[in-house]
PDB file of N, CA and C in Angstrom:
ATOM      1  N   MET A   1       0.975  -0.805  -0.337  1.00  0.00           N
ATOM      2  CA  MET A   1       0.121  -0.065   0.206  1.00  0.00           C
ATOM      3  C   MET A   1       0.867   1.085  -0.306  1.00  0.00           C
ATOM      4  N   LYS A   2       0.499   2.006  -0.286  1.00  0.00           N
ATOM      5  CA  LYS A   2       1.137   3.702  -0.575  1.00  0.00           C
ATOM      6  C   LYS A   2       1.027   4.581  -0.774  1.00  0.00           C
ATOM      7  N   VAL A   3       0.612   5.509   0.121  1.00  0.00           N
ATOM      8  CA  VAL A   3      -0.065   6.762   0.907  1.00  0.00           C
ATOM      9  C   VAL A   3       0.360   8.268   0.391  1.00  0.00           C
ATOM     10  N   THR A   4      -0.187   9.127   0.759  1.00  0.00           N
ATOM     11  CA  THR A   4       1.282  10.097   0.370  1.00  0.00           C
ATOM     12  C   THR A   4       0.472  11.115   1.270  1.00  0.00           C
ATOM     13  N   ILE A   5       1.786  12.107   2.802  1.00  0.00           N
ATOM     14  CA  ILE A   5       1.150  12.540   3.292  1.00  0.00           C
ATOM     15  C   ILE A   5       1.849  14.119   2.850  1.00  0.00           C
ATOM     16  N   GLU A   6       1.128  15.166   3.644  1.00  0.00           N
ATOM     17  CA  GLU A   6       1.635  16.292   3.233  1.00  0.00           C
ATOM     18  C   GLU A   6       1.730  16.994   4.937  1.00  0.00           C
ATOM     19  N   PHE A   7       2.945  18.107   4.442  1.00  0.00           N
ATOM     20  CA  PHE A   7       2.728  18.912   5.685  1.00  0.00           C
ATOM     21  C   PHE A   7       2.867  20.661   5.545  1.00  0.00           C
ATOM     22  N   VAL A   8       1.351  20.578   6.773  1.00  0.00           N
ATOM     23  CA  VAL A   8       1.444  22.219   5.661  1.00  0.00           C
ATOM     24  C   VAL A   8       1.638  23.106   7.762  1.00  0.00           C
ATOM     25  N   ILE A   9       2.476  23.727   8.029  1.00  0.00           N
ATOM     26  CA  ILE A   9       2.807  24.948   9.131  1.00  0.00           C
ATOM     27  C   ILE A   9       2.118  26.299   8.684  1.00  0.00           C
ATOM     28  N   ARG A  10       1.301  26.073  10.348  1.00  0.00           N
ATOM     29  CA  ARG A  10       0.575  27.390  10.275  1.00  0.00           C
ATOM     30  C   ARG A  10       0.844  28.604  11.098  1.00  0.00           C
ATOM     31  N   ASP A  11       0.924  29.376  10.848  1.00  0.00           N
ATOM     32  CA  ASP A  11       0.642  30.395  12.505  1.00  0.00           C
ATOM     33  C   ASP A  11      -0.425  30.486  13.448  1.00  0.00           C
ATOM     34  N   GLU A  12      -0.915  30.838  14.318  1.00  0.00           N
ATOM     35  CA  GLU A  12      -1.625  30.672  15.333  1.00  0.00           C
ATOM     36  C   GLU A  12      -3.360  31.756  14.575  1.00  0.00           C
ATOM     37  N   ILE A  13      -2.946  32.668  12.877  1.00  0.00           N
ATOM     38  CA  ILE A  13      -4.109  33.266  12.639  1.00  0.00           C
ATOM     39  C   ILE A  13      -4.774  31.756  11.730  1.00  0.00           C
ATOM     40  N   GLY A  14      -3.664  31.116  10.838  1.00  0.00           N
ATOM     41  CA  GLY A  14      -4.119  29.865  10.239  1.00  0.00           C
ATOM     42  C   GLY A  14      -2.977  30.278   8.843  1.00  0.00           C
ATOM     43  N   ASN A  15      -2.673  31.483   8.676  1.00  0.00           N
ATOM     44  CA  ASN A  15      -1.700  31.984   7.398  1.00  0.00           C
ATOM     45  C   ASN A  15      -0.768  30.593   7.147  1.00  0.00           C
ATOM     46  N   ILE A  16      -1.168  30.490   5.746  1.00  0.00           N
ATOM     47  CA  ILE A  16       0.231  29.249   5.236  1.00  0.00           C
ATOM     48  C   ILE A  16       1.493  30.022   5.485  1.00  0.00           C
ATOM     49  N   LEU A  17       2.462  28.840   6.564  1.00  0.00           N
ATOM     50  CA  LEU A  17       4.556  29.159   6.821  1.00  0.00           C
ATOM     51  C   LEU A  17       4.994  28.409   5.690  1.00  0.00           C
ATOM     52  N   SER A  18       4.386  26.917   5.436  1.00  0.00           N
ATOM     53  CA  SER A  18       5.534  26.651   4.501  1.00  0.00           C
ATOM     54  C   SER A  18       4.674  25.470   4.129  1.00  0.00           C
ATOM     55  N   GLN A  19       4.613  25.014   3.675  1.00  0.00           N
ATOM     56  CA  GLN A  19       3.697  23.445   2.829  1.00  0.00           C
ATOM     57  C   GLN A  19       4.487  23.139   1.913  1.00  0.00           C
ATOM     58  N   ASN A  20       5.154  22.038   2.949  1.00  0.00           N
ATOM     59  CA  ASN A  20       5.913  20.746   2.669  1.00  0.00           C
ATOM     60  C   ASN A  20       5.331  20.033   0.893  1.00  0.00           C
ATOM     61  N   SER A  21       6.297  19.303   0.255  1.00  0.00           N
ATOM     62  CA  SER A  21       6.343  18.722  -0.471  1.00  0.00           C
ATOM     63  C   SER A  21       5.780  17.157  -0.023  1.00  0.00           C
ATOM     64  N   ARG A  22       4.724  16.957  -1.153  1.00  0.00           N
ATOM     65  CA  ARG A  22       4.266  15.460  -0.380  1.00  0.00           C
ATOM     66  C   ARG A  22       4.898  14.232  -0.483  1.00  0.00           C
ATOM     67  N   LEU A  23       5.198  13.813   0.352  1.00  0.00           N
ATOM     68  CA  LEU A  23       4.967  12.344   0.359  1.00  0.00           C
ATOM     69  C   LEU A  23       5.061  11.252  -0.182  1.00  0.00           C
ATOM     70  N   ALA A  24       5.354  11.075  -0.167  1.00  0.00           N
ATOM     71  CA  ALA A  24       4.843   9.194  -0.773  1.00  0.00           C
ATOM     72  C   ALA A  24       5.499   7.842   0.328  1.00  0.00           C
ATOM     73  N   MET A  25       4.642   7.486   0.946  1.00  0.00           N
ATOM     74  CA  MET A  25       5.385   6.293   1.816  1.00  0.00           C
ATOM     75  C   MET A  25       4.741   4.894   1.385  1.00  0.00           C
ATOM     76  N   GLU A  26       5.695   3.963   0.924  1.00  0.00           N
ATOM     77  CA  GLU A  26       5.063   2.316   1.133  1.00  0.00           C
ATOM     78  C   GLU A  26       5.072   1.865   2.723  1.00  0.00           C
ATOM     79  N   ILE A  27       4.115   1.948   2.424  1.00  0.00           N
ATOM     80  CA  ILE A  27       3.932   0.568   3.692  1.00  0.00           C
ATOM     81  C   ILE A  27       3.428  -0.863   4.204  1.00  0.00           C
ATOM     82  N   GLY A  28       3.906  -1.295   2.835  1.00  0.00           N
ATOM     83  CA  GLY A  28       3.740  -2.011   2.355  1.00  0.00           C
ATOM     84  C   GLY A  28       2.526  -3.160   2.461  1.00  0.00           C
ATOM     85  N   THR A  29       2.587  -4.187   3.459  1.00  0.00           N
ATOM     86  CA  THR A  29       1.611  -5.440   3.978  1.00  0.00           C
ATOM     87  C   THR A  29       0.921  -4.566   4.577  1.00  0.00           C
ATOM     88  N   GLN A  30       0.963  -3.623   5.263  1.00  0.00           N
ATOM     89  CA  GLN A  30      -0.052  -2.864   6.211  1.00  0.00           C
ATOM     90  C   GLN A  30       0.557  -3.582   7.656  1.00  0.00           C
ATOM     91  N   SER A  31       0.718  -3.839   7.613  1.00  0.00           N
ATOM     92  CA  SER A  31       1.730  -4.966   9.446  1.00  0.00           C
ATOM     93  C   SER A  31       1.684  -4.008  10.122  1.00  0.00           C
ATOM     94  N   LEU A  32       1.814  -4.208  11.528  1.00  0.00           N
ATOM     95  CA  LEU A  32       2.201  -2.762  12.317  1.00  0.00           C
ATOM     96  C   LEU A  32       4.010  -2.920  11.909  1.00  0.00           C
ATOM     97  N   HIS A  33       4.566  -3.506  11.809  1.00  0.00           N
ATOM     98  CA  HIS A  33       5.733  -3.443  10.960  1.00  0.00           C
ATOM     99  C   HIS A  33       5.949  -2.784  10.067  1.00  0.00           C
ATOM    100  N   ASP A  34       5.499  -2.446   9.249  1.00  0.00           N
ATOM    101  CA  ASP A  34       6.008  -1.692   8.045  1.00  0.00           C
ATOM    102  C   ASP A  34       5.105  -0.919   8.424  1.00  0.00           C
ATOM    103  N   ILE A  35       4.617  -0.999   9.637  1.00  0.00           N
ATOM    104  CA  ILE A  35       3.728   0.554   9.206  1.00  0.00           C
ATOM    105  C   ILE A  35       4.663   1.565   9.871  1.00  0.00           C
ATOM    106  N   GLU A  36       5.345   1.013  11.557  1.00  0.00           N
ATOM    107  CA  GLU A  36       5.615   2.000  11.594  1.00  0.00           C
ATOM    108  C   GLU A  36       7.251   2.295  10.817  1.00  0.00           C
ATOM    109  N   GLY A  37       7.357   1.548  10.400  1.00  0.00           N
ATOM    110  CA  GLY A  37       9.062   1.615   9.773  1.00  0.00           C
ATOM    111  C   GLY A  37       8.978   2.128   7.898  1.00  0.00           C
ATOM    112  N   GLY A  38       8.162   2.564   7.622  1.00  0.00           N
ATOM    113  CA  GLY A  38       7.453   3.768   6.692  1.00  0.00           C
ATOM    114  C   GLY A  38       7.135   5.498   7.679  1.00  0.00           C
ATOM    115  N   VAL A  39       7.026   4.860   8.551  1.00  0.00           N
ATOM    116  CA  VAL A  39       6.817   5.787   9.969  1.00  0.00           C
ATOM    117  C   VAL A  39       7.836   7.085  11.049  1.00  0.00           C
ATOM    118  N   GLU A  40       8.709   5.987  10.400  1.00  0.00           N
ATOM    119  CA  GLU A  40       9.993   6.154  10.976  1.00  0.00           C
ATOM    120  C   GLU A  40      11.443   6.944   9.711  1.00  0.00           C
ATOM    121  N   GLN A  41      11.114   5.851   8.598  1.00  0.00           N
ATOM    122  CA  GLN A  41      11.569   6.801   7.549  1.00  0.00           C
ATOM    123  C   GLN A  41      11.274   8.114   6.909  1.00  0.00           C
ATOM    124  N   MET A  42       9.666   8.723   6.539  1.00  0.00           N
ATOM    125  CA  MET A  42       8.854   9.171   6.728  1.00  0.00           C
ATOM    126  C   MET A  42       9.750  10.406   7.856  1.00  0.00           C
ATOM    127  N   LYS A  43       9.759  10.140   9.704  1.00  0.00           N
ATOM    128  CA  LYS A  43      10.534  11.055  10.338  1.00  0.00           C
ATOM    129  C   LYS A  43      11.256  11.789  10.070  1.00  0.00           C
ATOM    130  N   GLN A  44      12.695  10.331   9.275  1.00  0.00           N
ATOM    131  CA  GLN A  44      13.590  11.201   9.348  1.00  0.00           C
ATOM    132  C   GLN A  44      13.806  12.095   8.188  1.00  0.00           C
ATOM    133  N   LYS A  45      13.171  11.733   7.102  1.00  0.00           N
ATOM    134  CA  LYS A  45      13.275  13.125   6.480  1.00  0.00           C
ATOM    135  C   LYS A  45      12.832  13.960   6.383  1.00  0.00           C
ATOM    136  N   VAL A  46      10.777  13.862   7.453  1.00  0.00           N
ATOM    137  CA  VAL A  46      10.982  15.460   6.886  1.00  0.00           C
ATOM    138  C   VAL A  46      10.711  15.883   8.249  1.00  0.00           C
ATOM    139  N   LEU A  47      11.716  15.959   9.310  1.00  0.00           N
ATOM    140  CA  LEU A  47      11.562  16.296  10.359  1.00  0.00           C
ATOM    141  C   LEU A  47      12.274  17.462  10.663  1.00  0.00           C
ATOM    142  N   PRO A  48      14.174  17.627   9.963  1.00  0.00           N
ATOM    143  CA  PRO A  48      14.962  18.388  10.168  1.00  0.00           C
ATOM    144  C   PRO A  48      14.281  19.582   8.862  1.00  0.00           C
ATOM    145  N   GLU A  49      13.412  19.244   7.692  1.00  0.00           N
ATOM    146  CA  GLU A  49      12.948  19.742   6.615  1.00  0.00           C
ATOM    147  C   GLU A  49      12.143  21.139   7.525  1.00  0.00           C
ATOM    148  N   ILE A  50      10.848  20.885   8.891  1.00  0.00           N
ATOM    149  CA  ILE A  50      10.838  21.253   9.765  1.00  0.00           C
ATOM    150  C   ILE A  50      10.997  21.669  10.449  1.00  0.00           C
ATOM    151  N   GLU A  51      11.632  21.610  11.041  1.00  0.00           N
ATOM    152  CA  GLU A  51      12.974  22.156  12.207  1.00  0.00           C
ATOM    153  C   GLU A  51      13.431  23.277  11.426  1.00  0.00           C
ATOM    154  N   ALA A  52      13.659  22.884  10.157  1.00  0.00           N
ATOM    155  CA  ALA A  52      14.554  24.031   9.649  1.00  0.00           C
ATOM    156  C   ALA A  52      13.659  25.604   9.524  1.00  0.00           C
ATOM    157  N   THR A  53      12.574  24.865   8.957  1.00  0.00           N
ATOM    158  CA  THR A  53      11.228  26.101   7.689  1.00  0.00           C
ATOM    159  C   THR A  53      11.230  26.964   9.226  1.00  0.00           C
ATOM    160  N   LEU A  54      10.874  25.769  10.422  1.00  0.00           N
ATOM    161  CA  LEU A  54      10.524  26.854  12.156  1.00  0.00           C
ATOM    162  C   LEU A  54      11.477  27.442  12.603  1.00  0.00           C
ATOM    163  N   LEU A  55      12.395  27.396  12.545  1.00  0.00           N
ATOM    164  CA  LEU A  55      14.199  28.468  12.884  1.00  0.00           C
ATOM    165  C   LEU A  55      14.334  29.093  12.034  1.00  0.00           C
ATOM    166  N   ALA A  56      13.626  29.524  11.141  1.00  0.00           N
ATOM    167  CA  ALA A  56      14.104  29.985   9.738  1.00  0.00           C
ATOM    168  C   ALA A  56      12.592  30.941   9.752  1.00  0.00           C
ATOM    169  N   GLN A  57      11.662  30.877  10.727  1.00  0.00           N
ATOM    170  CA  GLN A  57      10.818  31.932  10.748  1.00  0.00           C
ATOM    171  C   GLN A  57      10.642  32.679  12.132  1.00  0.00           C
ATOM    172  N   ALA A  58      11.367  32.104  12.915  1.00  0.00           N
ATOM    173  CA  ALA A  58      11.380  32.522  14.418  1.00  0.00           C
ATOM    174  C   ALA A  58      12.888  33.430  13.995  1.00  0.00           C
ATOM    175  N   GLN A  59      13.710  33.042  13.190  1.00  0.00           N
ATOM    176  CA  GLN A  59      15.073  33.949  13.356  1.00  0.00           C
ATOM    177  C   GLN A  59      14.176  35.177  12.389  1.00  0.00           C
ATOM    178  N   ASN A  60      13.276  35.493  11.889  1.00  0.00           N
ATOM    179  CA  ASN A  60      12.789  36.189  10.831  1.00  0.00           C
ATOM    180  C   ASN A  60      11.491  36.673  11.860  1.00  0.00           C
ATOM    181  N   GLU A  61      11.051  36.697  12.884  1.00  0.00           N
ATOM    182  CA  GLU A  61      10.420  37.645  13.283  1.00  0.00           C
ATOM    183  C   GLU A  61      11.497  38.455  14.482  1.00  0.00           C
ATOM    184  N   PHE A  62      12.381  37.532  14.607  1.00  0.00           N
ATOM    185  CA  PHE A  62      13.097  38.080  15.760  1.00  0.00           C
ATOM    186  C   PHE A  62      13.909  39.162  15.192  1.00  0.00           C
ATOM    187  N   THR A  63      14.079  39.205  13.913  1.00  0.00           N
ATOM    188  CA  THR A  63      14.949  40.627  12.899  1.00  0.00           C
ATOM    189  C   THR A  63      14.115  41.366  12.804  1.00  0.00           C
ATOM    190  N   LYS A  64      13.017  40.873  12.533  1.00  0.00           N
ATOM    191  CA  LYS A  64      12.313  41.991  12.260  1.00  0.00           C
ATOM    192  C   LYS A  64      11.615  42.664  13.862  1.00  0.00           C
ATOM    193  N   LYS A  65      11.817  42.350  15.195  1.00  0.00           N
ATOM    194  CA  LYS A  65      11.229  42.572  16.357  1.00  0.00           C
ATOM    195  C   LYS A  65      12.536  43.557  16.715  1.00  0.00           C
ATOM    196  N   VAL A  66      14.193  42.856  16.081  1.00  0.00           N
ATOM    197  CA  VAL A  66      15.062  44.358  16.417  1.00  0.00           C
ATOM    198  C   VAL A  66      15.339  45.123  15.404  1.00  0.00           C
ATOM    199  N   LYS A  67      14.154  44.840  14.423  1.00  0.00           N
ATOM    200  CA  LYS A  67      14.069  46.794  13.420  1.00  0.00           C
ATOM    201  C   LYS A  67      13.691  47.641  13.912  1.00  0.00           C
ATOM    202  N   LYS A  68      12.833  46.503  14.311  1.00  0.00           N
ATOM    203  CA  LYS A  68      11.799  47.936  14.707  1.00  0.00           C
ATOM    204  C   LYS A  68      12.271  48.870  16.706  1.00  0.00           C
ATOM    205  N   ASN A  69      12.988  47.523  16.974  1.00  0.00           N
ATOM    206  CA  ASN A  69      13.288  48.612  18.136  1.00  0.00           C
ATOM    207  C   ASN A  69      14.823  49.433  17.812  1.00  0.00           C
TER     208      ASN A  69
END
């Protein structure tokens, strides 16, 4: 079985800050072992990208605040 996963990062108002590309994930025979393995692979691919996006957004907000003061 193949599934597609998308991650959208929104601010507190609901504005989209980042929409990561779709990630196709093969979960094999749909056994618990295959699903856990697929999720782990997905986490290793996607979490660093999400972390980088959040850090960049925080840095942009900090820079805006510093420039205002």
